[in-house]
Amino acid sequence: MADTPDKPALPPREAVALQYRDDRQGAPQVVAKGRGLIAEAIIQRAREAGVYVHESPQLVQLLMQVDLDAQIPPALYVAVAELLAWLWRLEHEAAAPR
């Protein structure tokens, strides 16, 4: 699809998947990342597996700089900790009896 003056093409979507098993692992690890069709596949697989998908373009942009299979750097600990806290709240709210 070509760009038009009225509507430029959107940049390809990006996605990063993190894995964090427990505090013995150290920091969360980047286990998948990609742009375009690969990003769409990462998001689709996460949703199919029941994994929450959090959309934060700024955080994804920073995480895309981390090597595959590497742990996140200390500079991203706070941002990822906030994400993990958000996930924890979602999971516990969903499990709470109503």
PDB file of N, CA and C in Angstrom:
ATOM      1  N   MET A   1       0.848  -1.175   0.000  1.00  0.00           N
ATOM      2  CA  MET A   1       0.000   0.000   0.000  1.00  0.00           C
ATOM      3  C   MET A   1       0.895   1.240   0.000  1.00  0.00           C
ATOM      4  N   ALA A   2       0.667   2.146  -0.877  1.00  0.00           N
ATOM      5  CA  ALA A   2       1.473   3.354  -0.989  1.00  0.00           C
ATOM      6  C   ALA A   2       0.954   4.438  -0.052  1.00  0.00           C
ATOM      7  N   ASP A   3       1.876   5.292   0.362  1.00  0.00           N
ATOM      8  CA  ASP A   3       1.485   6.438   1.178  1.00  0.00           C
ATOM      9  C   ASP A   3       0.718   7.424   0.309  1.00  0.00           C
ATOM     10  N   THR A   4      -0.252   8.069   0.911  1.00  0.00           N
ATOM     11  CA  THR A   4      -0.962   9.135   0.228  1.00  0.00           C
ATOM     12  C   THR A   4      -0.780  10.392   1.058  1.00  0.00           C
ATOM     13  N   PRO A   5      -0.885  11.567   0.444  1.00  0.00           N
ATOM     14  CA  PRO A   5      -0.718  12.798   1.222  1.00  0.00           C
ATOM     15  C   PRO A   5      -1.726  12.916   2.367  1.00  0.00           C
ATOM     16  N   ASP A   6      -2.919  12.335   2.190  1.00  0.00           N
ATOM     17  CA  ASP A   6      -3.949  12.454   3.210  1.00  0.00           C
ATOM     18  C   ASP A   6      -3.782  11.441   4.342  1.00  0.00           C
ATOM     19  N   LYS A   7      -3.200  10.287   4.026  1.00  0.00           N
ATOM     20  CA  LYS A   7      -3.143   9.227   5.023  1.00  0.00           C
ATOM     21  C   LYS A   7      -1.846   8.423   4.887  1.00  0.00           C
ATOM     22  N   PRO A   8      -0.797   8.811   5.620  1.00  0.00           N
ATOM     23  CA  PRO A   8       0.448   8.058   5.521  1.00  0.00           C
ATOM     24  C   PRO A   8       0.282   6.673   6.161  1.00  0.00           C
ATOM     25  N   ALA A   9       1.073   5.724   5.698  1.00  0.00           N
ATOM     26  CA  ALA A   9       1.020   4.371   6.247  1.00  0.00           C
ATOM     27  C   ALA A   9       1.475   4.390   7.698  1.00  0.00           C
ATOM     28  N   LEU A  10       0.823   3.581   8.497  1.00  0.00           N
ATOM     29  CA  LEU A  10       1.212   3.468   9.902  1.00  0.00           C
ATOM     30  C   LEU A  10       2.509   2.679  10.006  1.00  0.00           C
ATOM     31  N   PRO A  11       3.344   2.997  10.992  1.00  0.00           N
ATOM     32  CA  PRO A  11       4.555   2.190  11.167  1.00  0.00           C
ATOM     33  C   PRO A  11       4.155   0.783  11.594  1.00  0.00           C
ATOM     34  N   PRO A  12       4.984  -0.212  11.269  1.00  0.00           N
ATOM     35  CA  PRO A  12       4.622  -1.574  11.657  1.00  0.00           C
ATOM     36  C   PRO A  12       4.536  -1.700  13.173  1.00  0.00           C
ATOM     37  N   ARG A  13       3.604  -2.511  13.616  1.00  0.00           N
ATOM     38  CA  ARG A  13       3.415  -2.752  15.039  1.00  0.00           C
ATOM     39  C   ARG A  13       4.612  -3.507  15.594  1.00  0.00           C
ATOM     40  N   GLU A  14       4.964  -3.255  16.846  1.00  0.00           N
ATOM     41  CA  GLU A  14       6.061  -3.943  17.508  1.00  0.00           C
ATOM     42  C   GLU A  14       5.525  -4.659  18.737  1.00  0.00           C
ATOM     43  N   ALA A  15       6.161  -5.763  19.086  1.00  0.00           N
ATOM     44  CA  ALA A  15       5.761  -6.515  20.276  1.00  0.00           C
ATOM     45  C   ALA A  15       6.992  -7.157  20.905  1.00  0.00           C
ATOM     46  N   VAL A  16       6.960  -7.235  22.234  1.00  0.00           N
ATOM     47  CA  VAL A  16       8.010  -7.892  22.998  1.00  0.00           C
ATOM     48  C   VAL A  16       7.336  -8.782  24.022  1.00  0.00           C
ATOM     49  N   ALA A  17       7.824 -10.011  24.145  1.00  0.00           N
ATOM     50  CA  ALA A  17       7.312 -10.935  25.155  1.00  0.00           C
ATOM     51  C   ALA A  17       8.383 -11.112  26.228  1.00  0.00           C
ATOM     52  N   LEU A  18       7.947 -10.961  27.478  1.00  0.00           N
ATOM     53  CA  LEU A  18       8.847 -11.148  28.613  1.00  0.00           C
ATOM     54  C   LEU A  18       8.468 -12.409  29.361  1.00  0.00           C
ATOM     55  N   GLN A  19       9.467 -13.019  29.979  1.00  0.00           N
ATOM     56  CA  GLN A  19       9.230 -14.186  30.827  1.00  0.00           C
ATOM     57  C   GLN A  19       9.856 -13.893  32.180  1.00  0.00           C
ATOM     58  N   TYR A  20       9.087 -14.176  33.220  1.00  0.00           N
ATOM     59  CA  TYR A  20       9.604 -14.014  34.582  1.00  0.00           C
ATOM     60  C   TYR A  20       9.022 -15.132  35.414  1.00  0.00           C
ATOM     61  N   ARG A  21       9.828 -16.115  35.715  1.00  0.00           N
ATOM     62  CA  ARG A  21       9.336 -17.286  36.442  1.00  0.00           C
ATOM     63  C   ARG A  21       9.267 -17.047  37.942  1.00  0.00           C
ATOM     64  N   ASP A  22      10.323 -16.545  38.521  1.00  0.00           N
ATOM     65  CA  ASP A  22      10.344 -16.256  39.958  1.00  0.00           C
ATOM     66  C   ASP A  22      11.561 -15.406  40.268  1.00  0.00           C
ATOM     67  N   ASP A  23      11.663 -14.992  41.518  1.00  0.00           N
ATOM     68  CA  ASP A  23      12.757 -14.089  41.867  1.00  0.00           C
ATOM     69  C   ASP A  23      14.129 -14.759  41.852  1.00  0.00           C
ATOM     70  N   ARG A  24      14.204 -16.084  41.738  1.00  0.00           N
ATOM     71  CA  ARG A  24      15.505 -16.756  41.613  1.00  0.00           C
ATOM     72  C   ARG A  24      16.087 -16.550  40.220  1.00  0.00           C
ATOM     73  N   GLN A  25      15.259 -16.212  39.265  1.00  0.00           N
ATOM     74  CA  GLN A  25      15.701 -15.990  37.892  1.00  0.00           C
ATOM     75  C   GLN A  25      16.471 -14.679  37.773  1.00  0.00           C
ATOM     76  N   GLY A  26      16.259 -13.771  38.667  1.00  0.00           N
ATOM     77  CA  GLY A  26      16.826 -12.438  38.521  1.00  0.00           C
ATOM     78  C   GLY A  26      15.800 -11.543  37.869  1.00  0.00           C
ATOM     79  N   ALA A  27      16.173 -10.910  36.791  1.00  0.00           N
ATOM     80  CA  ALA A  27      15.284  -9.983  36.084  1.00  0.00           C
ATOM     81  C   ALA A  27      14.483 -10.715  35.010  1.00  0.00           C
ATOM     82  N   PRO A  28      13.346 -10.140  34.608  1.00  0.00           N
ATOM     83  CA  PRO A  28      12.604 -10.709  33.482  1.00  0.00           C
ATOM     84  C   PRO A  28      13.484 -10.791  32.240  1.00  0.00           C
ATOM     85  N   GLN A  29      13.154 -11.729  31.382  1.00  0.00           N
ATOM     86  CA  GLN A  29      13.950 -12.012  30.192  1.00  0.00           C
ATOM     87  C   GLN A  29      13.107 -11.784  28.938  1.00  0.00           C
ATOM     88  N   VAL A  30      13.716 -11.216  27.912  1.00  0.00           N
ATOM     89  CA  VAL A  30      13.059 -11.038  26.620  1.00  0.00           C
ATOM     90  C   VAL A  30      13.095 -12.386  25.893  1.00  0.00           C
ATOM     91  N   VAL A  31      11.920 -12.971  25.658  1.00  0.00           N
ATOM     92  CA  VAL A  31      11.867 -14.291  25.019  1.00  0.00           C
ATOM     93  C   VAL A  31      11.357 -14.235  23.581  1.00  0.00           C
ATOM     94  N   ALA A  32      10.787 -13.118  23.176  1.00  0.00           N
ATOM     95  CA  ALA A  32      10.356 -12.938  21.784  1.00  0.00           C
ATOM     96  C   ALA A  32      10.207 -11.449  21.520  1.00  0.00           C
ATOM     97  N   LYS A  33      10.511 -11.064  20.307  1.00  0.00           N
ATOM     98  CA  LYS A  33      10.299  -9.672  19.907  1.00  0.00           C
ATOM     99  C   LYS A  33      10.250  -9.611  18.398  1.00  0.00           C
ATOM    100  N   GLY A  34       9.528  -8.620  17.886  1.00  0.00           N
ATOM    101  CA  GLY A  34       9.461  -8.484  16.446  1.00  0.00           C
ATOM    102  C   GLY A  34       8.596  -7.322  16.017  1.00  0.00           C
ATOM    103  N   ARG A  35       8.598  -7.092  14.706  1.00  0.00           N
ATOM    104  CA  ARG A  35       7.814  -6.017  14.082  1.00  0.00           C
ATOM    105  C   ARG A  35       6.894  -6.617  13.028  1.00  0.00           C
ATOM    106  N   GLY A  36       5.841  -5.896  12.724  1.00  0.00           N
ATOM    107  CA  GLY A  36       4.947  -6.290  11.640  1.00  0.00           C
ATOM    108  C   GLY A  36       4.268  -7.624  11.894  1.00  0.00           C
ATOM    109  N   LEU A  37       4.388  -8.547  10.953  1.00  0.00           N
ATOM    110  CA  LEU A  37       3.718  -9.842  11.065  1.00  0.00           C
ATOM    111  C   LEU A  37       4.214 -10.647  12.262  1.00  0.00           C
ATOM    112  N   ILE A  38       5.497 -10.524  12.583  1.00  0.00           N
ATOM    113  CA  ILE A  38       6.026 -11.243  13.747  1.00  0.00           C
ATOM    114  C   ILE A  38       5.395 -10.689  15.022  1.00  0.00           C
ATOM    115  N   ALA A  39       5.266  -9.389  15.109  1.00  0.00           N
ATOM    116  CA  ALA A  39       4.623  -8.769  16.269  1.00  0.00           C
ATOM    117  C   ALA A  39       3.178  -9.234  16.392  1.00  0.00           C
ATOM    118  N   GLU A  40       2.470  -9.263  15.278  1.00  0.00           N
ATOM    119  CA  GLU A  40       1.076  -9.722  15.299  1.00  0.00           C
ATOM    120  C   GLU A  40       0.993 -11.172  15.772  1.00  0.00           C
ATOM    121  N   ALA A  41       1.935 -12.011  15.348  1.00  0.00           N
ATOM    122  CA  ALA A  41       1.945 -13.413  15.767  1.00  0.00           C
ATOM    123  C   ALA A  41       2.233 -13.537  17.263  1.00  0.00           C
ATOM    124  N   ILE A  42       3.146 -12.733  17.778  1.00  0.00           N
ATOM    125  CA  ILE A  42       3.449 -12.743  19.212  1.00  0.00           C
ATOM    126  C   ILE A  42       2.201 -12.380  20.011  1.00  0.00           C
ATOM    127  N   ILE A  43       1.516 -11.333  19.597  1.00  0.00           N
ATOM    128  CA  ILE A  43       0.310 -10.875  20.295  1.00  0.00           C
ATOM    129  C   ILE A  43      -0.787 -11.923  20.201  1.00  0.00           C
ATOM    130  N   GLN A  44      -0.981 -12.510  19.033  1.00  0.00           N
ATOM    131  CA  GLN A  44      -2.010 -13.531  18.861  1.00  0.00           C
ATOM    132  C   GLN A  44      -1.729 -14.749  19.741  1.00  0.00           C
ATOM    133  N   ARG A  45      -0.491 -15.216  19.763  1.00  0.00           N
ATOM    134  CA  ARG A  45      -0.144 -16.374  20.594  1.00  0.00           C
ATOM    135  C   ARG A  45      -0.340 -16.071  22.074  1.00  0.00           C
ATOM    136  N   ALA A  46       0.014 -14.876  22.484  1.00  0.00           N
ATOM    137  CA  ALA A  46      -0.180 -14.505  23.883  1.00  0.00           C
ATOM    138  C   ALA A  46      -1.658 -14.546  24.250  1.00  0.00           C
ATOM    139  N   ARG A  47      -2.477 -13.962  23.417  1.00  0.00           N
ATOM    140  CA  ARG A  47      -3.920 -13.946  23.690  1.00  0.00           C
ATOM    141  C   ARG A  47      -4.505 -15.355  23.678  1.00  0.00           C
ATOM    142  N   GLU A  48      -4.065 -16.192  22.731  1.00  0.00           N
ATOM    143  CA  GLU A  48      -4.548 -17.572  22.680  1.00  0.00           C
ATOM    144  C   GLU A  48      -4.160 -18.347  23.933  1.00  0.00           C
ATOM    145  N   ALA A  49      -3.016 -18.005  24.507  1.00  0.00           N
ATOM    146  CA  ALA A  49      -2.534 -18.684  25.714  1.00  0.00           C
ATOM    147  C   ALA A  49      -3.112 -18.073  26.990  1.00  0.00           C
ATOM    148  N   GLY A  50      -3.945 -17.045  26.839  1.00  0.00           N
ATOM    149  CA  GLY A  50      -4.544 -16.407  28.007  1.00  0.00           C
ATOM    150  C   GLY A  50      -3.606 -15.451  28.724  1.00  0.00           C
ATOM    151  N   VAL A  51      -2.570 -15.010  28.031  1.00  0.00           N
ATOM    152  CA  VAL A  51      -1.614 -14.069  28.599  1.00  0.00           C
ATOM    153  C   VAL A  51      -2.130 -12.656  28.336  1.00  0.00           C
ATOM    154  N   TYR A  52      -2.113 -11.838  29.369  1.00  0.00           N
ATOM    155  CA  TYR A  52      -2.551 -10.454  29.202  1.00  0.00           C
ATOM    156  C   TYR A  52      -1.575  -9.720  28.288  1.00  0.00           C
ATOM    157  N   VAL A  53      -2.120  -8.876  27.427  1.00  0.00           N
ATOM    158  CA  VAL A  53      -1.315  -8.068  26.517  1.00  0.00           C
ATOM    159  C   VAL A  53      -1.461  -6.619  26.957  1.00  0.00           C
ATOM    160  N   HIS A  54      -0.340  -6.017  27.303  1.00  0.00           N
ATOM    161  CA  HIS A  54      -0.320  -4.619  27.730  1.00  0.00           C
ATOM    162  C   HIS A  54       0.302  -3.805  26.606  1.00  0.00           C
ATOM    163  N   GLU A  55      -0.375  -2.758  26.202  1.00  0.00           N
ATOM    164  CA  GLU A  55       0.126  -1.948  25.101  1.00  0.00           C
ATOM    165  C   GLU A  55       0.708  -0.648  25.621  1.00  0.00           C
ATOM    166  N   SER A  56       2.019  -0.542  25.509  1.00  0.00           N
ATOM    167  CA  SER A  56       2.736   0.669  25.888  1.00  0.00           C
ATOM    168  C   SER A  56       3.833   0.895  24.852  1.00  0.00           C
ATOM    169  N   PRO A  57       3.560   1.718  23.854  1.00  0.00           N
ATOM    170  CA  PRO A  57       4.554   1.921  22.788  1.00  0.00           C
ATOM    171  C   PRO A  57       5.921   2.357  23.311  1.00  0.00           C
ATOM    172  N   GLN A  58       5.933   3.183  24.352  1.00  0.00           N
ATOM    173  CA  GLN A  58       7.208   3.656  24.892  1.00  0.00           C
ATOM    174  C   GLN A  58       8.004   2.505  25.515  1.00  0.00           C
ATOM    175  N   LEU A  59       7.333   1.651  26.285  1.00  0.00           N
ATOM    176  CA  LEU A  59       8.022   0.522  26.911  1.00  0.00           C
ATOM    177  C   LEU A  59       8.468  -0.483  25.856  1.00  0.00           C
ATOM    178  N   VAL A  60       7.621  -0.749  24.873  1.00  0.00           N
ATOM    179  CA  VAL A  60       7.995  -1.683  23.802  1.00  0.00           C
ATOM    180  C   VAL A  60       9.228  -1.159  23.068  1.00  0.00           C
ATOM    181  N   GLN A  61       9.256   0.122  22.794  1.00  0.00           N
ATOM    182  CA  GLN A  61      10.396   0.712  22.096  1.00  0.00           C
ATOM    183  C   GLN A  61      11.687   0.485  22.888  1.00  0.00           C
ATOM    184  N   LEU A  62      11.630   0.638  24.205  1.00  0.00           N
ATOM    185  CA  LEU A  62      12.815   0.406  25.036  1.00  0.00           C
ATOM    186  C   LEU A  62      13.186  -1.075  25.077  1.00  0.00           C
ATOM    187  N   LEU A  63      12.176  -1.932  25.186  1.00  0.00           N
ATOM    188  CA  LEU A  63      12.438  -3.362  25.266  1.00  0.00           C
ATOM    189  C   LEU A  63      12.939  -3.937  23.944  1.00  0.00           C
ATOM    190  N   MET A  64      12.579  -3.322  22.832  1.00  0.00           N
ATOM    191  CA  MET A  64      13.069  -3.788  21.527  1.00  0.00           C
ATOM    192  C   MET A  64      14.595  -3.665  21.444  1.00  0.00           C
ATOM    193  N   GLN A  65      15.186  -2.827  22.262  1.00  0.00           N
ATOM    194  CA  GLN A  65      16.637  -2.641  22.259  1.00  0.00           C
ATOM    195  C   GLN A  65      17.369  -3.732  23.049  1.00  0.00           C
ATOM    196  N   VAL A  66      16.630  -4.522  23.818  1.00  0.00           N
ATOM    197  CA  VAL A  66      17.228  -5.592  24.617  1.00  0.00           C
ATOM    198  C   VAL A  66      17.393  -6.823  23.725  1.00  0.00           C
ATOM    199  N   ASP A  67      18.555  -7.450  23.812  1.00  0.00           N
ATOM    200  CA  ASP A  67      18.814  -8.645  23.011  1.00  0.00           C
ATOM    201  C   ASP A  67      17.849  -9.766  23.380  1.00  0.00           C
ATOM    202  N   LEU A  68      17.514 -10.580  22.396  1.00  0.00           N
ATOM    203  CA  LEU A  68      16.682 -11.755  22.608  1.00  0.00           C
ATOM    204  C   LEU A  68      17.390 -12.687  23.594  1.00  0.00           C
ATOM    205  N   ASP A  69      16.642 -13.253  24.513  1.00  0.00           N
ATOM    206  CA  ASP A  69      17.129 -14.153  25.565  1.00  0.00           C
ATOM    207  C   ASP A  69      17.940 -13.452  26.648  1.00  0.00           C
ATOM    208  N   ALA A  70      18.032 -12.120  26.591  1.00  0.00           N
ATOM    209  CA  ALA A  70      18.750 -11.366  27.622  1.00  0.00           C
ATOM    210  C   ALA A  70      17.774 -10.894  28.692  1.00  0.00           C
ATOM    211  N   GLN A  71      18.288 -10.716  29.899  1.00  0.00           N
ATOM    212  CA  GLN A  71      17.477 -10.134  30.959  1.00  0.00           C
ATOM    213  C   GLN A  71      17.376  -8.630  30.718  1.00  0.00           C
ATOM    214  N   ILE A  72      16.270  -8.059  31.190  1.00  0.00           N
ATOM    215  CA  ILE A  72      16.112  -6.612  31.011  1.00  0.00           C
ATOM    216  C   ILE A  72      17.189  -5.889  31.817  1.00  0.00           C
ATOM    217  N   PRO A  73      17.635  -4.734  31.368  1.00  0.00           N
ATOM    218  CA  PRO A  73      18.656  -3.986  32.097  1.00  0.00           C
ATOM    219  C   PRO A  73      18.063  -3.292  33.323  1.00  0.00           C
ATOM    220  N   PRO A  74      18.908  -2.997  34.309  1.00  0.00           N
ATOM    221  CA  PRO A  74      18.431  -2.318  35.523  1.00  0.00           C
ATOM    222  C   PRO A  74      17.663  -1.027  35.256  1.00  0.00           C
ATOM    223  N   ALA A  75      17.976  -0.332  34.183  1.00  0.00           N
ATOM    224  CA  ALA A  75      17.279   0.928  33.860  1.00  0.00           C
ATOM    225  C   ALA A  75      15.790   0.704  33.606  1.00  0.00           C
ATOM    226  N   LEU A  76      15.387  -0.535  33.272  1.00  0.00           N
ATOM    227  CA  LEU A  76      13.980  -0.815  32.986  1.00  0.00           C
ATOM    228  C   LEU A  76      13.268  -1.535  34.141  1.00  0.00           C
ATOM    229  N   TYR A  77      13.956  -1.773  35.245  1.00  0.00           N
ATOM    230  CA  TYR A  77      13.357  -2.501  36.360  1.00  0.00           C
ATOM    231  C   TYR A  77      12.058  -1.858  36.852  1.00  0.00           C
ATOM    232  N   VAL A  78      12.070  -0.550  37.065  1.00  0.00           N
ATOM    233  CA  VAL A  78      10.883   0.114  37.619  1.00  0.00           C
ATOM    234  C   VAL A  78       9.708   0.014  36.650  1.00  0.00           C
ATOM    235  N   ALA A  79       9.945   0.273  35.375  1.00  0.00           N
ATOM    236  CA  ALA A  79       8.862   0.220  34.390  1.00  0.00           C
ATOM    237  C   ALA A  79       8.279  -1.188  34.298  1.00  0.00           C
ATOM    238  N   VAL A  80       9.130  -2.193  34.286  1.00  0.00           N
ATOM    239  CA  VAL A  80       8.646  -3.572  34.182  1.00  0.00           C
ATOM    240  C   VAL A  80       8.009  -4.012  35.492  1.00  0.00           C
ATOM    241  N   ALA A  81       8.519  -3.547  36.623  1.00  0.00           N
ATOM    242  CA  ALA A  81       7.895  -3.868  37.916  1.00  0.00           C
ATOM    243  C   ALA A  81       6.473  -3.311  37.971  1.00  0.00           C
ATOM    244  N   GLU A  82       6.274  -2.110  37.441  1.00  0.00           N
ATOM    245  CA  GLU A  82       4.921  -1.536  37.390  1.00  0.00           C
ATOM    246  C   GLU A  82       4.010  -2.384  36.500  1.00  0.00           C
ATOM    247  N   LEU A  83       4.550  -2.883  35.394  1.00  0.00           N
ATOM    248  CA  LEU A  83       3.786  -3.756  34.510  1.00  0.00           C
ATOM    249  C   LEU A  83       3.424  -5.060  35.218  1.00  0.00           C
ATOM    250  N   LEU A  84       4.378  -5.661  35.925  1.00  0.00           N
ATOM    251  CA  LEU A  84       4.111  -6.901  36.658  1.00  0.00           C
ATOM    252  C   LEU A  84       3.082  -6.680  37.766  1.00  0.00           C
ATOM    253  N   ALA A  85       3.141  -5.529  38.425  1.00  0.00           N
ATOM    254  CA  ALA A  85       2.150  -5.207  39.456  1.00  0.00           C
ATOM    255  C   ALA A  85       0.759  -5.078  38.831  1.00  0.00           C
ATOM    256  N   TRP A  86       0.676  -4.462  37.671  1.00  0.00           N
ATOM    257  CA  TRP A  86      -0.599  -4.340  36.942  1.00  0.00           C
ATOM    258  C   TRP A  86      -1.146  -5.727  36.616  1.00  0.00           C
ATOM    259  N   LEU A  87      -0.274  -6.615  36.114  1.00  0.00           N
ATOM    260  CA  LEU A  87      -0.707  -7.978  35.795  1.00  0.00           C
ATOM    261  C   LEU A  87      -1.171  -8.723  37.034  1.00  0.00           C
ATOM    262  N   TRP A  88      -0.437  -8.568  38.128  1.00  0.00           N
ATOM    263  CA  TRP A  88      -0.797  -9.231  39.384  1.00  0.00           C
ATOM    264  C   TRP A  88      -2.191  -8.791  39.826  1.00  0.00           C
ATOM    265  N   ARG A  89      -2.454  -7.475  39.753  1.00  0.00           N
ATOM    266  CA  ARG A  89      -3.772  -6.957  40.136  1.00  0.00           C
ATOM    267  C   ARG A  89      -4.860  -7.530  39.234  1.00  0.00           C
ATOM    268  N   LEU A  90      -4.628  -7.561  37.930  1.00  0.00           N
ATOM    269  CA  LEU A  90      -5.617  -8.118  37.000  1.00  0.00           C
ATOM    270  C   LEU A  90      -5.924  -9.575  37.330  1.00  0.00           C
ATOM    271  N   GLU A  91      -4.886 -10.368  37.560  1.00  0.00           N
ATOM    272  CA  GLU A  91      -5.080 -11.788  37.842  1.00  0.00           C
ATOM    273  C   GLU A  91      -5.821 -11.999  39.153  1.00  0.00           C
ATOM    274  N   HIS A  92      -5.504 -11.215  40.170  1.00  0.00           N
ATOM    275  CA  HIS A  92      -6.149 -11.398  41.466  1.00  0.00           C
ATOM    276  C   HIS A  92      -7.562 -10.838  41.499  1.00  0.00           C
ATOM    277  N   GLU A  93      -7.822  -9.801  40.727  1.00  0.00           N
ATOM    278  CA  GLU A  93      -9.189  -9.290  40.626  1.00  0.00           C
ATOM    279  C   GLU A  93     -10.063 -10.285  39.881  1.00  0.00           C
ATOM    280  N   ALA A  94      -9.511 -10.926  38.858  1.00  0.00           N
ATOM    281  CA  ALA A  94     -10.272 -11.913  38.096  1.00  0.00           C
ATOM    282  C   ALA A  94     -10.570 -13.154  38.925  1.00  0.00           C
ATOM    283  N   ALA A  95      -9.650 -13.502  39.848  1.00  0.00           N
ATOM    284  CA  ALA A  95      -9.817 -14.712  40.666  1.00  0.00           C
ATOM    285  C   ALA A  95     -10.653 -14.473  41.909  1.00  0.00           C
ATOM    286  N   ALA A  96     -10.862 -13.212  42.275  1.00  0.00           N
ATOM    287  CA  ALA A  96     -11.607 -12.899  43.500  1.00  0.00           C
ATOM    288  C   ALA A  96     -13.078 -13.276  43.357  1.00  0.00           C
ATOM    289  N   PRO A  97     -13.645 -13.888  44.400  1.00  0.00           N
ATOM    290  CA  PRO A  97     -15.076 -14.223  44.340  1.00  0.00           C
ATOM    291  C   PRO A  97     -15.934 -12.956  44.325  1.00  0.00           C
ATOM    292  N   ARG A  98     -17.013 -13.034  43.636  1.00  0.00           N
ATOM    293  CA  ARG A  98     -17.911 -11.874  43.535  1.00  0.00           C
ATOM    294  C   ARG A  98     -19.190 -12.146  44.249  1.00  0.00           C
TER     295      ARG A  98
END
